[in-house]
Protein backbone atom coordinates (compact mmCIF):
# COMPACT_ATOMS: atom_id res chain seq x y z
CA MET A 1 -36.39 12.46 -27.76
CA VAL A 2 -32.90 11.08 -26.60
CA VAL A 3 -34.15 11.01 -23.12
CA THR A 4 -37.21 9.26 -24.06
CA LEU A 5 -35.17 6.68 -25.90
CA TRP A 6 -32.99 6.15 -22.74
CA TYR A 7 -36.01 5.51 -20.67
CA LEU A 8 -37.26 2.87 -23.29
CA ILE A 9 -33.71 1.14 -23.47
CA ILE A 10 -33.22 1.00 -19.66
CA GLY A 11 -36.70 -0.10 -19.05
CA GLY A 12 -36.69 -2.55 -21.72
CA ILE A 13 -33.35 -4.10 -20.45
CA LEU A 14 -34.39 -4.53 -16.95
CA VAL A 15 -37.73 -6.00 -17.78
CA ILE A 16 -36.44 -8.41 -20.40
CA MET A 17 -33.52 -9.45 -18.00
CA ALA A 18 -36.09 -10.15 -15.27
CA LEU A 19 -38.11 -12.12 -17.53
CA ALA A 20 -35.29 -14.25 -18.99
CA THR A 21 -33.37 -15.00 -15.94
CA THR A 22 -34.48 -18.61 -15.67
CA LEU A 23 -33.84 -19.47 -19.17
CA LEU A 24 -30.36 -17.87 -19.17
CA LYS A 25 -29.36 -20.02 -16.42
CA ARG A 26 -30.01 -23.15 -18.48
CA LEU A 27 -27.95 -21.74 -21.56
CA PRO A 28 -24.32 -21.21 -21.82
CA VAL A 29 -24.73 -17.24 -21.87
CA SER A 30 -24.21 -14.96 -18.92
CA THR A 31 -26.11 -11.93 -18.26
CA SER A 32 -22.88 -9.65 -18.61
CA MET A 33 -22.97 -11.17 -22.31
CA ILE A 34 -26.19 -9.56 -23.09
CA TYR A 35 -25.28 -6.33 -21.43
CA LEU A 36 -22.14 -6.11 -23.57
CA LEU A 37 -24.09 -6.76 -26.72
CA ILE A 38 -26.73 -4.06 -25.83
CA GLY A 39 -23.82 -1.57 -24.98
CA LEU A 40 -22.33 -2.31 -28.45
CA GLY A 41 -25.82 -1.89 -30.10
CA ILE A 42 -26.50 1.55 -28.43
CA GLY A 43 -22.98 2.98 -28.77
CA PRO A 44 -21.09 4.14 -31.90
CA LEU A 45 -20.97 0.85 -33.36
CA GLY A 46 -24.77 0.56 -33.45
CA LEU A 47 -27.55 3.35 -32.95
CA GLY A 48 -24.93 5.84 -31.84
CA LEU A 49 -27.12 7.05 -28.95
CA LEU A 50 -24.11 7.52 -26.67
CA THR A 51 -20.38 8.25 -27.20
CA ILE A 52 -17.82 8.26 -24.28
CA ASP A 53 -14.28 8.99 -24.67
CA PRO A 54 -12.16 7.09 -22.22
CA ILE A 55 -9.68 9.82 -21.78
CA ALA A 56 -11.89 12.76 -21.65
CA ASP A 57 -14.55 11.17 -19.57
CA ALA A 58 -12.13 9.20 -17.36
CA LYS A 59 -13.04 10.98 -14.24
CA LEU A 60 -16.75 10.01 -14.59
CA LEU A 61 -15.79 6.64 -15.52
CA GLU A 62 -13.54 6.23 -12.40
CA HIS A 63 -16.27 7.43 -10.04
CA LEU A 64 -18.88 5.07 -11.51
CA SER A 65 -16.71 2.02 -11.38
CA GLU A 66 -15.57 2.94 -7.93
CA ILE A 67 -19.06 2.83 -6.66
CA ALA A 68 -19.67 -0.52 -8.48
CA VAL A 69 -16.31 -1.93 -6.90
CA ILE A 70 -17.22 -1.02 -3.32
CA ILE A 71 -20.83 -2.36 -3.39
CA SER A 72 -19.37 -5.58 -4.85
CA LEU A 73 -16.64 -5.77 -2.37
CA PHE A 74 -19.04 -5.24 0.68
CA THR A 75 -21.32 -7.91 -0.79
CA ALA A 76 -18.28 -10.30 -1.09
CA GLY A 77 -17.29 -9.82 2.57
CA LEU A 78 -20.94 -10.47 3.78
CA LYS A 79 -20.95 -13.76 1.65
CA LEU A 80 -17.71 -15.11 3.26
CA ARG A 81 -19.00 -17.01 6.16
CA GLY A 82 -15.83 -18.59 7.56
CA ASN A 83 -13.65 -17.78 10.77
CA LEU A 84 -10.35 -16.30 9.65
CA ARG A 85 -8.52 -19.06 11.42
CA ASP A 86 -10.54 -21.65 9.30
CA PRO A 87 -8.30 -23.43 6.79
CA ILE A 88 -10.73 -22.75 4.00
CA TRP A 89 -9.20 -19.13 3.98
CA ARG A 90 -6.05 -20.55 2.90
CA VAL A 91 -7.10 -20.77 -0.81
CA PRO A 92 -8.42 -17.07 -1.28
CA LEU A 93 -5.16 -15.79 0.78
CA ARG A 94 -2.85 -17.66 -1.62
CA LEU A 95 -4.72 -16.48 -4.68
CA ALA A 96 -4.79 -12.82 -3.53
CA SER A 97 -1.19 -12.96 -2.70
CA VAL A 98 1.07 -15.41 -4.46
CA ALA A 99 -1.11 -15.63 -7.62
CA MET A 100 -1.54 -12.03 -7.81
CA LEU A 101 2.08 -11.36 -7.81
CA ILE A 102 2.91 -13.91 -10.40
CA THR A 103 0.22 -12.72 -12.56
CA ILE A 104 1.66 -9.06 -12.36
CA ALA A 105 5.25 -10.42 -12.88
CA LEU A 106 4.11 -12.45 -16.07
CA ILE A 107 1.93 -9.74 -17.56
CA MET A 108 4.94 -7.12 -17.02
CA LEU A 109 7.30 -9.50 -18.89
CA ALA A 110 4.71 -9.96 -21.82
CA GLY A 111 4.20 -6.19 -21.84
CA MET A 112 7.86 -5.39 -21.89
CA PHE A 113 9.10 -8.01 -24.39
CA GLY A 114 6.07 -8.73 -26.40
CA LEU A 115 4.25 -5.31 -26.46
CA GLY A 116 7.21 -2.97 -26.32
CA LEU A 117 6.04 -1.17 -23.02
CA SER A 118 8.34 0.59 -20.61
CA LEU A 119 8.92 -1.03 -17.26
CA GLY A 120 6.55 1.24 -15.54
CA ALA A 121 3.70 0.91 -18.27
CA ALA A 122 4.24 -2.86 -18.12
CA VAL A 123 3.79 -2.89 -14.37
CA LEU A 124 0.87 -0.87 -14.47
CA LEU A 125 -0.83 -3.20 -17.08
CA GLY A 126 -0.17 -6.10 -14.83
CA ALA A 127 -1.59 -4.48 -11.73
CA ILE A 128 -4.78 -3.29 -13.78
CA LEU A 129 -5.38 -6.97 -14.96
CA ALA A 130 -4.43 -8.82 -12.06
CA PRO A 131 -7.67 -8.31 -10.09
CA THR A 132 -10.58 -11.01 -10.63
CA ASP A 133 -14.05 -10.21 -10.67
CA PRO A 134 -16.49 -13.15 -10.21
CA VAL A 135 -19.52 -10.58 -9.97
CA LEU A 136 -19.73 -10.82 -13.73
CA ALA A 137 -20.52 -14.66 -13.51
CA SER A 138 -22.91 -15.47 -10.45
CA GLU A 139 -22.26 -19.27 -11.14
CA VAL A 140 -18.81 -18.99 -9.52
CA GLN A 141 -20.04 -17.05 -6.42
CA ILE A 142 -20.86 -18.65 -3.12
CA ASP A 143 -24.28 -20.17 -3.25
CA HIS A 144 -25.39 -19.74 0.44
CA PRO A 145 -23.71 -18.70 3.72
CA THR A 146 -22.65 -22.17 4.66
CA ASP A 147 -21.08 -23.06 1.24
CA ARG A 148 -17.76 -24.59 1.78
CA ASP A 149 -16.79 -25.46 -1.74
CA GLN A 150 -13.22 -24.30 -2.30
CA VAL A 151 -13.79 -23.25 -5.93
CA ARG A 152 -16.64 -20.77 -5.09
CA PHE A 153 -15.14 -19.68 -1.67
CA GLY A 154 -11.75 -19.21 -3.26
CA LEU A 155 -12.73 -17.24 -6.09
CA THR A 156 -15.14 -14.95 -4.13
CA GLY A 157 -12.54 -14.41 -1.46
CA GLU A 158 -9.89 -13.90 -3.99
CA ALA A 159 -11.99 -11.15 -5.69
CA GLY A 160 -12.83 -9.52 -2.26
CA LEU A 161 -9.07 -9.26 -1.38
CA ASN A 162 -7.27 -8.63 -4.46
CA ASP A 163 -9.27 -5.62 -5.52
CA GLY A 164 -7.48 -3.82 -2.68
CA THR A 165 -4.22 -5.66 -2.29
CA VAL A 166 -3.28 -4.80 -6.05
CA PHE A 167 -3.36 -1.11 -5.28
CA PRO A 168 0.33 -0.88 -4.31
CA PHE A 169 1.37 -2.16 -7.61
CA VAL A 170 -0.85 0.33 -9.47
CA MET A 171 0.98 2.98 -7.46
CA LEU A 172 4.43 1.33 -8.25
CA GLY A 173 3.64 1.54 -11.94
CA LEU A 174 2.76 5.08 -11.63
CA GLY A 175 5.79 5.68 -9.62
CA LEU A 176 7.98 4.11 -12.29
CA LEU A 177 6.36 6.42 -14.85
CA GLY A 178 7.17 9.37 -12.71
CA LEU A 179 3.57 10.00 -11.66
CA HIS A 180 3.87 9.02 -7.95
CA GLU A 181 6.52 9.45 -5.34
CA LEU A 182 8.22 6.19 -4.24
CA GLY A 183 11.07 7.30 -2.16
CA GLU A 184 14.67 6.44 -2.17
CA PHE A 185 15.08 2.74 -2.96
CA GLY A 186 11.17 2.47 -2.67
CA TRP A 187 11.09 3.08 0.98
CA ARG A 188 8.08 5.44 0.88
CA TRP A 189 6.24 2.99 -1.38
CA LEU A 190 6.80 0.03 0.88
CA THR A 191 6.01 1.72 4.01
CA LEU A 192 3.01 3.69 3.01
CA ASP A 193 1.55 2.25 -0.04
CA VAL A 194 2.01 -1.39 1.01
CA PHE A 195 2.16 -1.79 4.76
CA TRP A 196 0.29 1.35 6.13
CA LYS A 197 -2.51 1.60 3.44
CA ILE A 198 -3.17 -2.27 3.40
CA GLY A 199 -3.02 -2.91 7.18
CA GLY A 200 -5.00 0.58 7.71
CA GLY A 201 -7.80 -0.18 5.34
CA LEU A 202 -8.31 -3.64 6.77
CA LEU A 203 -8.27 -2.44 10.51
CA ILE A 204 -10.50 0.32 9.71
CA GLY A 205 -13.09 -1.69 8.03
CA TRP A 206 -13.02 -4.43 10.48
CA PHE A 207 -13.53 -2.25 13.58
CA LEU A 208 -16.07 -0.03 12.02
CA GLY A 209 -17.88 -3.34 10.94
CA GLN A 210 -17.68 -4.78 14.34
CA GLY A 211 -18.60 -1.53 16.20
CA ILE A 212 -21.54 -0.58 14.25
CA GLY A 213 -22.68 -3.99 14.03
CA TRP A 214 -22.41 -4.35 17.80
CA VAL A 215 -24.30 -1.08 18.59
CA VAL A 216 -27.29 -1.92 16.21
CA LEU A 217 -27.75 -5.39 17.64
CA HIS A 218 -27.62 -4.02 21.19
CA LEU A 219 -30.30 -1.34 20.36
CA ARG A 220 -32.51 -3.91 18.70
CA ARG A 221 -32.09 -6.63 21.23
CA GLU A 222 -32.31 -4.51 24.44
CA HIS A 223 -34.50 -1.60 23.38
CA ARG A 224 -36.27 -2.77 20.30
CA THR A 225 -35.01 0.30 18.42
CA ALA A 226 -32.98 0.86 15.26
CA VAL A 227 -35.29 -1.51 13.57
CA GLY A 228 -35.69 -1.49 9.80
CA LEU A 229 -33.71 0.41 7.15
CA ASP A 230 -30.91 -2.27 6.90
CA ASP A 231 -30.56 -0.94 3.38
CA PHE A 232 -29.48 2.50 4.69
CA LEU A 233 -27.26 0.78 7.20
CA ALA A 234 -25.48 -1.13 4.50
CA LEU A 235 -25.09 2.08 2.54
CA GLY A 236 -23.89 4.03 5.39
CA LEU A 237 -21.34 1.48 6.56
CA ILE A 238 -19.97 1.32 2.97
CA ALA A 239 -19.66 5.01 2.97
CA LEU A 240 -18.06 5.30 6.36
CA SER A 241 -15.63 2.68 5.85
CA TYR A 242 -14.49 4.06 2.67
CA GLY A 243 -14.49 7.63 3.70
CA VAL A 244 -12.50 7.09 6.97
CA ALA A 245 -10.02 4.88 5.08
CA HIS A 246 -9.45 7.72 2.59
CA LEU A 247 -9.25 10.22 5.40
CA VAL A 248 -6.19 8.50 6.93
CA ASP A 249 -4.75 7.68 3.42
CA ALA A 250 -5.57 3.82 3.67
CA TYR A 251 -7.11 1.75 0.97
CA GLY A 252 -11.01 2.28 1.04
CA PHE A 253 -11.49 -1.07 -1.02
CA LEU A 254 -10.04 -3.21 1.69
CA ALA A 255 -11.86 -1.29 4.37
CA VAL A 256 -15.17 -1.86 2.63
CA PHE A 257 -14.50 -5.44 2.19
CA ALA A 258 -13.39 -5.98 5.83
CA ALA A 259 -16.38 -4.19 7.09
CA GLY A 260 -18.64 -6.69 5.34
CA LEU A 261 -16.55 -9.53 6.74
CA ALA A 262 -16.77 -8.15 10.20
CA LEU A 263 -20.53 -8.00 10.11
CA ARG A 264 -20.59 -11.64 8.82
CA ASN A 265 -18.07 -12.59 11.57
CA ILE A 266 -20.51 -11.36 14.20
CA GLU A 267 -23.26 -13.63 12.86
CA LEU A 268 -20.83 -16.47 12.52
CA ARG A 269 -19.69 -16.29 16.25
CA GLU A 270 -23.33 -16.12 17.41
CA ASN A 271 -24.93 -18.74 15.16
CA GLY A 272 -22.07 -21.23 14.45
CA ALA A 273 -23.06 -23.64 11.84
CA MET A 274 -26.53 -22.31 11.40
CA SER A 275 -27.02 -20.27 8.24
CA ASP A 276 -28.69 -17.00 8.33
CA GLU A 277 -31.45 -18.19 5.99
CA ALA A 278 -32.21 -21.02 8.58
CA ALA A 279 -32.14 -18.62 11.45
CA VAL A 280 -34.92 -16.30 9.98
CA GLN A 281 -36.74 -18.83 7.66
CA VAL A 282 -39.73 -19.30 10.15
CA ASP A 283 -40.38 -15.78 11.20
CA ALA A 284 -39.87 -14.31 7.69
CA MET A 285 -42.53 -16.77 6.33
CA MET A 286 -44.94 -15.64 9.07
CA GLY A 287 -44.48 -12.13 8.31
CA GLU A 288 -42.79 -11.49 11.66
CA GLU A 289 -39.64 -9.62 10.42
CA GLU A 290 -39.57 -7.12 13.18
CA HIS A 291 -39.54 -9.96 15.77
CA ALA A 292 -36.72 -11.68 13.93
CA ALA A 293 -34.75 -8.38 14.00
CA THR A 294 -34.96 -7.93 17.70
CA ASP A 295 -34.91 -11.61 18.81
CA HIS A 296 -31.67 -12.43 20.81
CA LYS A 297 -31.07 -15.65 18.79
CA GLN A 298 -31.87 -14.27 15.22
CA ALA A 299 -31.08 -10.60 15.33
CA SER A 300 -27.59 -10.96 13.86
CA ALA A 301 -28.59 -13.41 11.34
CA TYR A 302 -31.64 -11.10 10.17
CA MET A 303 -29.33 -8.15 9.92
CA THR A 304 -26.76 -9.69 7.59
CA LYS A 305 -29.27 -11.46 5.47
CA ALA A 306 -31.35 -8.18 4.88
CA MET A 307 -28.06 -6.39 4.10
CA LEU A 308 -26.78 -9.08 1.91
CA ASP A 309 -30.15 -9.21 -0.11
CA PHE A 310 -30.04 -5.51 -0.55
CA ASN A 311 -26.48 -5.37 -1.71
CA GLU A 312 -26.93 -8.24 -4.08
CA GLN A 313 -29.49 -6.12 -5.98
CA LEU A 314 -27.35 -3.16 -6.15
CA GLU A 315 -24.44 -5.43 -7.36
CA ARG A 316 -26.70 -6.39 -10.26
CA ILE A 317 -27.44 -2.71 -11.13
CA GLY A 318 -23.67 -1.95 -11.11
CA GLU A 319 -22.97 -4.79 -13.35
CA VAL A 320 -25.65 -3.65 -15.80
CA ALA A 321 -24.23 -0.08 -15.88
CA MET A 322 -20.57 -1.00 -16.17
CA VAL A 323 -20.80 -3.91 -18.67
CA LEU A 324 -23.08 -1.50 -20.83
CA LEU A 325 -20.21 1.02 -20.56
CA VAL A 326 -17.62 -1.53 -21.77
CA GLY A 327 -19.81 -2.26 -24.89
CA ILE A 328 -20.18 1.51 -25.49
CA LEU A 329 -16.40 2.32 -25.17
CA LEU A 330 -15.17 -0.63 -27.24
CA PRO A 331 -15.49 0.84 -30.64
CA SER A 332 -13.65 4.12 -29.72
CA VAL A 333 -10.48 1.96 -28.53
CA TRP A 334 -10.43 -0.92 -30.90
CA ALA A 335 -8.19 0.77 -33.35
CA GLU A 336 -5.76 1.25 -30.32
CA VAL A 337 -5.18 -2.47 -30.09
CA PRO A 338 -2.81 -3.59 -32.77
CA VAL A 339 -3.41 -7.05 -34.43
CA ALA A 340 -0.01 -8.27 -33.15
CA ALA A 341 -1.14 -7.69 -29.56
CA LEU A 342 -4.25 -9.96 -29.61
CA TRP A 343 -1.90 -12.96 -28.80
CA PHE A 344 -1.82 -11.27 -25.18
CA ILE A 345 -5.53 -12.13 -24.27
CA PRO A 346 -5.16 -16.05 -24.90
CA LEU A 347 -1.58 -15.67 -23.17
CA LEU A 348 -3.38 -14.25 -20.18
CA PHE A 349 -6.31 -16.83 -20.07
CA LEU A 350 -4.47 -19.97 -21.00
CA VAL A 351 -1.06 -19.51 -19.60
CA VAL A 352 -0.64 -16.50 -17.09
CA ARG A 353 -3.58 -17.19 -14.85
CA PRO A 354 -3.37 -21.12 -14.88
CA LEU A 355 0.29 -20.92 -14.16
CA ALA A 356 -0.25 -18.33 -11.30
CA VAL A 357 -2.84 -20.53 -9.88
CA GLN A 358 -1.00 -23.77 -9.86
CA ALA A 359 2.11 -22.16 -8.41
CA SER A 360 0.18 -20.50 -5.55
CA LEU A 361 -1.57 -23.82 -4.63
CA ILE A 362 1.51 -25.87 -4.40
CA GLY A 363 1.13 -28.10 -1.29
CA ARG A 364 -2.52 -27.42 -0.95
CA PRO A 365 -4.50 -30.65 -1.16
CA MET A 366 -6.98 -30.12 -3.89
CA PRO A 367 -8.54 -32.10 -6.69
CA GLY A 368 -7.37 -31.43 -10.21
CA ILE A 369 -10.77 -30.38 -11.26
CA GLN A 370 -10.79 -27.67 -8.49
CA ARG A 371 -7.45 -26.52 -9.51
CA PHE A 372 -8.48 -26.19 -13.20
CA LEU A 373 -11.78 -24.36 -12.48
CA ILE A 374 -9.96 -21.72 -10.26
CA GLY A 375 -7.33 -21.42 -13.11
CA TRP A 376 -9.76 -20.93 -15.77
CA LEU A 377 -12.49 -18.80 -14.04
CA GLY A 378 -10.30 -15.77 -13.49
CA LEU A 379 -12.66 -13.10 -14.77
CA ARG A 380 -11.51 -9.58 -15.40
CA GLY A 381 -13.91 -6.72 -14.96
CA ILE A 382 -15.08 -3.82 -12.99
CA GLY A 383 -11.84 -3.54 -10.77
CA SER A 384 -9.74 -3.32 -13.94
CA ILE A 385 -11.84 -0.49 -15.33
CA TYR A 386 -11.46 1.42 -11.95
CA TYR A 387 -7.59 1.02 -11.99
CA LEU A 388 -7.20 2.08 -15.62
CA MET A 389 -9.35 5.18 -15.04
CA TYR A 390 -7.53 5.96 -11.83
CA ALA A 391 -4.06 5.87 -13.59
CA ILE A 392 -5.49 8.02 -16.57
CA THR A 393 -6.87 10.67 -14.04
CA HIS A 394 -3.46 10.75 -12.35
CA GLY A 395 -1.57 12.02 -15.19
CA LEU A 396 -0.90 9.02 -17.38
CA ASP A 397 0.28 10.10 -20.87
CA PRO A 398 -2.95 10.19 -23.21
CA ALA A 399 -1.19 8.10 -25.89
CA LEU A 400 -0.19 5.50 -23.37
CA GLY A 401 -3.68 5.76 -21.73
CA ARG A 402 -5.37 4.90 -25.05
CA THR A 403 -3.04 1.92 -25.71
CA LEU A 404 -3.67 0.53 -22.21
CA THR A 405 -7.41 1.36 -22.45
CA GLY A 406 -7.63 -0.61 -25.79
CA LEU A 407 -5.83 -3.77 -24.27
CA VAL A 408 -7.83 -3.71 -21.10
CA LEU A 409 -11.34 -3.14 -22.44
CA VAL A 410 -10.75 -5.80 -25.27
CA THR A 411 -9.40 -8.31 -22.59
CA ILE A 412 -12.53 -7.57 -20.27
CA ALA A 413 -14.87 -7.90 -23.30
CA ALA A 414 -13.05 -11.24 -24.24
CA SER A 415 -13.40 -12.51 -20.54
CA ILE A 416 -17.04 -11.65 -20.51
CA VAL A 417 -17.79 -13.73 -23.70
CA VAL A 418 -15.24 -16.64 -23.26
CA HIS A 419 -15.83 -17.11 -19.60
CA GLY A 420 -19.71 -16.40 -19.89
CA ILE A 421 -20.04 -19.26 -22.50
CA SER A 422 -17.97 -21.85 -20.61
CA VAL A 423 -18.94 -21.01 -16.85
CA THR A 424 -22.49 -22.51 -17.08
CA PRO A 425 -21.72 -25.99 -18.29
CA LEU A 426 -18.57 -26.09 -16.46
CA MET A 427 -20.08 -25.27 -13.06
CA ARG A 428 -23.16 -27.52 -13.83
CA ASN A 429 -20.91 -30.42 -14.49
CA TYR A 430 -18.85 -29.66 -11.47
CA ARG A 431 -21.82 -29.39 -9.03
CA GLN A 432 -22.79 -32.78 -10.13
CA SER A 433 -19.42 -34.38 -9.51
CA PRO A 434 -18.35 -35.93 -6.24
CA THR A 435 -15.62 -33.33 -5.77
CA ALA A 436 -17.98 -30.39 -5.36
CA ASP A 437 -18.47 -29.27 -1.79
CA ALA A 438 -15.56 -31.52 -0.70
CA ALA A 439 -15.21 -29.46 2.42
CA PRO A 440 -17.96 -30.57 4.78
CA ARG A 441 -20.37 -27.93 5.60
CA SER A 442 -20.56 -29.07 9.37
CA ARG A 443 -17.28 -27.24 9.80
CA ALA A 444 -18.66 -23.96 9.08
CA GLY A 445 -18.49 -22.84 12.49
CA ALA A 446 -15.16 -24.22 13.03
CA GLY A 447 -12.77 -22.06 14.88
CA THR A 448 -15.18 -19.71 16.18
CA GLY A 449 -14.57 -17.92 19.37
């Protein structure tokens, strides 16, 4: 009977969301808010169909969130159609480095002096909550391959980068808690966890993406083989990038993101300012997908578009699963969050994130409305769940683990609700303003080589 109920619940969710998508786009409600509510309904707070313990089931939750994150990162890489020398990359790079470091530092101070956490626990909390996750609000993602808007490109690029670049600080927090070797004066952490794992992950993903992309396009153009199953190609490249990175002890998250970025870079070099949708539109409409896949001019555009379409569907499924789990987990950790700590969430949203963004964008010419939106729309989500579960499975004290779990999950739930309500009207008004898409799309191919 329980299995039957699950079939009914999952089937009902998917069908209802498919039918209600258009309506939800008009309302100040995100799909993640609906999934969160359903998770609360089927968890201990509602029907009690499923109970999950975040400590006992941490390994399962780590693997589930890990899969969701790598799919999201590969998708983000495919979306970002801008040469790495293009000035548009300056915003996401600043956000994923300067803003991230400031965020970790401010959360660390709040954790030590406001929540009574030790230095290691406070650093760990800062690292867990530093990554942003715009997958939980599609309104802030890039609309199309030639989207040059600084807000959407910046937030999408930031999320793709900081889900990997924050990893050294997770390891630093664990090291300060005695759960990871840092080396004398932190030399091992700096050389291995920072320089090698970040650089190695990016290089592995980039070369695998470039190499596999080149081989596939060569076979399709010259021999009319290796056509079709672009979904297998996407999953294979994700798994290879992640696996090879782990094999040499580099960061798999950055490898997967770089692999998606490398594939998009191939398409960008070949098509310049022409978007992949424009490149395949005529052939796709005529049902000549095979011709588009092997045509010398359209092959790269067809490949990236097919892989992006497939990964966006996987990304939505991952969103459903992970947000449902947040809703199911919330009742079990709510008691771990003291009332006095609830000031932490508005501090993060209203002070820490805006301050970190403003500081990171000093000297960058950008309208105030864009700075405000980037500062406000720093959603917390799937990446934070992964890093939390990673810490728990690597020996975190259970009592501290429950405290951090309560803080993190309540923060994620609050982000889903608060940002979910505000993102639709904010982005709708922004799109209608003269500031939107301030960077001309004609520069999409600038700097290509």
